[in-house]
C-alpha atoms as a PDB file:
ATOM      1  CA  MET A   1      33.701   2.372  21.973  1.00  0.00           C
ATOM      2  CA  ARG A   2      32.425   4.427  24.876  1.00  0.00           C
ATOM      3  CA  LYS A   3      30.584   3.074  27.832  1.00  0.00           C
ATOM      4  CA  VAL A   4      27.122   4.580  27.864  1.00  0.00           C
ATOM      5  CA  GLY A   5      24.431   3.540  30.312  1.00  0.00           C
ATOM      6  CA  ILE A   6      21.155   2.719  28.588  1.00  0.00           C
ATOM      7  CA  THR A   7      18.242   2.309  30.995  1.00  0.00           C
ATOM      8  CA  SER A   8      15.747   1.334  28.302  1.00  0.00           C
ATOM      9  CA  ALA A   9      15.732   1.013  24.514  1.00  0.00           C
ATOM     10  CA  LYS A  10      12.698   0.202  22.393  1.00  0.00           C
ATOM     11  CA  VAL A  11      12.006   0.225  18.695  1.00  0.00           C
ATOM     12  CA  HIS A  12       8.620   0.300  16.998  1.00  0.00           C
ATOM     13  CA  VAL A  13       8.450  -0.348  13.262  1.00  0.00           C
ATOM     14  CA  GLU A  14       5.393   0.215  11.059  1.00  0.00           C
ATOM     15  CA  LEU A  15       4.909  -0.046   7.352  1.00  0.00           C
ATOM     16  CA  ASP A  16       2.247   0.938   4.885  1.00  0.00           C
ATOM     17  CA  TYR A  17       1.518  -1.584   2.174  1.00  0.00           C
ATOM     18  CA  TYR A  18      -1.169  -2.606  -0.179  1.00  0.00           C
ATOM     19  CA  LEU A  19      -2.177  -5.907  -1.665  1.00  0.00           C
ATOM     20  CA  LYS A  20      -4.495  -6.001  -4.642  1.00  0.00           C
ATOM     21  CA  GLY A  21      -5.559  -8.296  -7.395  1.00  0.00           C
ATOM     22  CA  SER A  22      -6.384 -11.976  -7.252  1.00  0.00           C
ATOM     23  CA  VAL A  23      -4.239 -15.009  -6.553  1.00  0.00           C
ATOM     24  CA  LYS A  24      -6.838 -17.114  -8.339  1.00  0.00           C
ATOM     25  CA  GLN A  25      -6.673 -14.935 -11.471  1.00  0.00           C
ATOM     26  CA  GLY A  26      -2.870 -14.510 -11.290  1.00  0.00           C
ATOM     27  CA  THR A  27      -3.091 -10.714 -10.885  1.00  0.00           C
ATOM     28  CA  VAL A  28      -1.918 -10.380  -7.275  1.00  0.00           C
ATOM     29  CA  GLU A  29       0.323  -7.372  -6.651  1.00  0.00           C
ATOM     30  CA  ASN A  30       1.744  -5.780  -3.511  1.00  0.00           C
ATOM     31  CA  LYS A  31       3.862  -2.798  -2.606  1.00  0.00           C
ATOM     32  CA  VAL A  32       5.274  -1.200   0.530  1.00  0.00           C
ATOM     33  CA  THR A  33       4.860   2.580   0.320  1.00  0.00           C
ATOM     34  CA  GLU A  34       6.549   3.672   3.556  1.00  0.00           C
ATOM     35  CA  VAL A  35       8.397   2.247   6.550  1.00  0.00           C
ATOM     36  CA  ARG A  36       8.587   4.134   9.839  1.00  0.00           C
ATOM     37  CA  SER A  37      11.001   3.318  12.660  1.00  0.00           C
ATOM     38  CA  ASP A  38      10.574   4.956  16.080  1.00  0.00           C
ATOM     39  CA  PHE A  39      13.474   4.425  18.468  1.00  0.00           C
ATOM     40  CA  THR A  40      12.993   5.369  22.148  1.00  0.00           C
ATOM     41  CA  VAL A  41      15.968   5.454  24.509  1.00  0.00           C
ATOM     42  CA  GLU A  42      16.199   6.272  28.210  1.00  0.00           C
ATOM     43  CA  SER A  43      19.585   7.123  29.711  1.00  0.00           C
ATOM     44  CA  LYS A  44      21.054   9.231  32.498  1.00  0.00           C
ATOM     45  CA  ASP A  45      24.266   9.793  30.534  1.00  0.00           C
ATOM     46  CA  PRO A  46      24.950  13.008  28.574  1.00  0.00           C
ATOM     47  CA  GLU A  47      22.704  13.369  25.515  1.00  0.00           C
ATOM     48  CA  SER A  48      25.693  13.795  23.187  1.00  0.00           C
ATOM     49  CA  ASP A  49      27.154  10.434  24.301  1.00  0.00           C
ATOM     50  CA  VAL A  50      23.849   8.614  23.868  1.00  0.00           C
ATOM     51  CA  LEU A  51      23.261  10.265  20.477  1.00  0.00           C
ATOM     52  CA  GLU A  52      26.616   8.938  19.280  1.00  0.00           C
ATOM     53  CA  ILE A  53      25.600   5.391  20.263  1.00  0.00           C
ATOM     54  CA  ILE A  54      22.214   5.763  18.557  1.00  0.00           C
ATOM     55  CA  ARG A  55      23.877   6.969  15.337  1.00  0.00           C
ATOM     56  CA  ILE A  56      26.270   4.024  15.369  1.00  0.00           C
ATOM     57  CA  ALA A  57      23.403   1.581  16.006  1.00  0.00           C
ATOM     58  CA  LYS A  58      21.369   3.007  13.121  1.00  0.00           C
ATOM     59  CA  GLN A  59      24.396   2.802  10.783  1.00  0.00           C
ATOM     60  CA  GLY A  60      24.737  -0.898  11.615  1.00  0.00           C
ATOM     61  CA  CYS A  61      21.026  -1.706  11.347  1.00  0.00           C
ATOM     62  CA  PHE A  62      20.491  -4.263   8.577  1.00  0.00           C
ATOM     63  CA  ALA A  63      16.739  -3.612   8.384  1.00  0.00           C
ATOM     64  CA  GLU A  64      17.034   0.166   7.957  1.00  0.00           C
ATOM     65  CA  ASN A  65      19.789  -0.155   5.386  1.00  0.00           C
ATOM     66  CA  LEU A  66      17.905  -2.810   3.423  1.00  0.00           C
ATOM     67  CA  VAL A  67      14.975  -0.414   3.096  1.00  0.00           C
ATOM     68  CA  LYS A  68      17.083   2.709   2.388  1.00  0.00           C
ATOM     69  CA  ASN A  69      19.368   1.107  -0.191  1.00  0.00           C
ATOM     70  CA  ALA A  70      17.949  -1.070  -2.925  1.00  0.00           C
ATOM     71  CA  VAL A  71      19.825  -4.353  -3.221  1.00  0.00           C
ATOM     72  CA  PRO A  72      19.719  -7.002  -5.920  1.00  0.00           C
ATOM     73  CA  LEU A  73      17.514  -9.966  -5.125  1.00  0.00           C
ATOM     74  CA  LYS A  74      18.728 -13.383  -6.184  1.00  0.00           C
ATOM     75  CA  SER A  75      15.941 -15.907  -5.966  1.00  0.00           C
ATOM     76  CA  SER A  76      15.720 -19.534  -6.968  1.00  0.00           C
ATOM     77  CA  CYS A  77      12.893 -22.035  -6.951  1.00  0.00           C
ATOM     78  CA  LEU A  78      13.083 -25.796  -6.841  1.00  0.00           C
ATOM     79  CA  LEU A  79      10.195 -28.026  -7.867  1.00  0.00           C
ATOM     80  CA  ASN A  80      10.659 -31.702  -7.062  1.00  0.00           C
ATOM     81  CA  GLY A  81      14.424 -31.125  -6.748  1.00  0.00           C
ATOM     82  CA  LYS A  82      14.691 -29.400 -10.148  1.00  0.00           C
ATOM     83  CA  GLU A  83      15.382 -25.684 -10.485  1.00  0.00           C
ATOM     84  CA  ILE A  84      12.627 -23.897 -12.396  1.00  0.00           C
ATOM     85  CA  ASP A  85      12.249 -20.409 -13.850  1.00  0.00           C
ATOM     86  CA  VAL A  86       9.274 -18.626 -12.299  1.00  0.00           C
ATOM     87  CA  THR A  87       9.640 -15.299 -14.145  1.00  0.00           C
END
């Protein structure tokens, strides 16, 4: 990998979601409608070198890839040490 000097790197992540229904009535529902990631980098090195590092970092970002690519969710629930079906 190349050596690239990064003076500063910051990321700001926002998401839009809604929560509706009632926990008491068993009708609670939520959904995320959009996630935004703003990445700010400061460097004195050539832009093309820094861009390569940013691309590699984004490719290896677990959070971005989790949002971009749906993955199966395996979930279990134990009640008093016994596995229960919550579906």
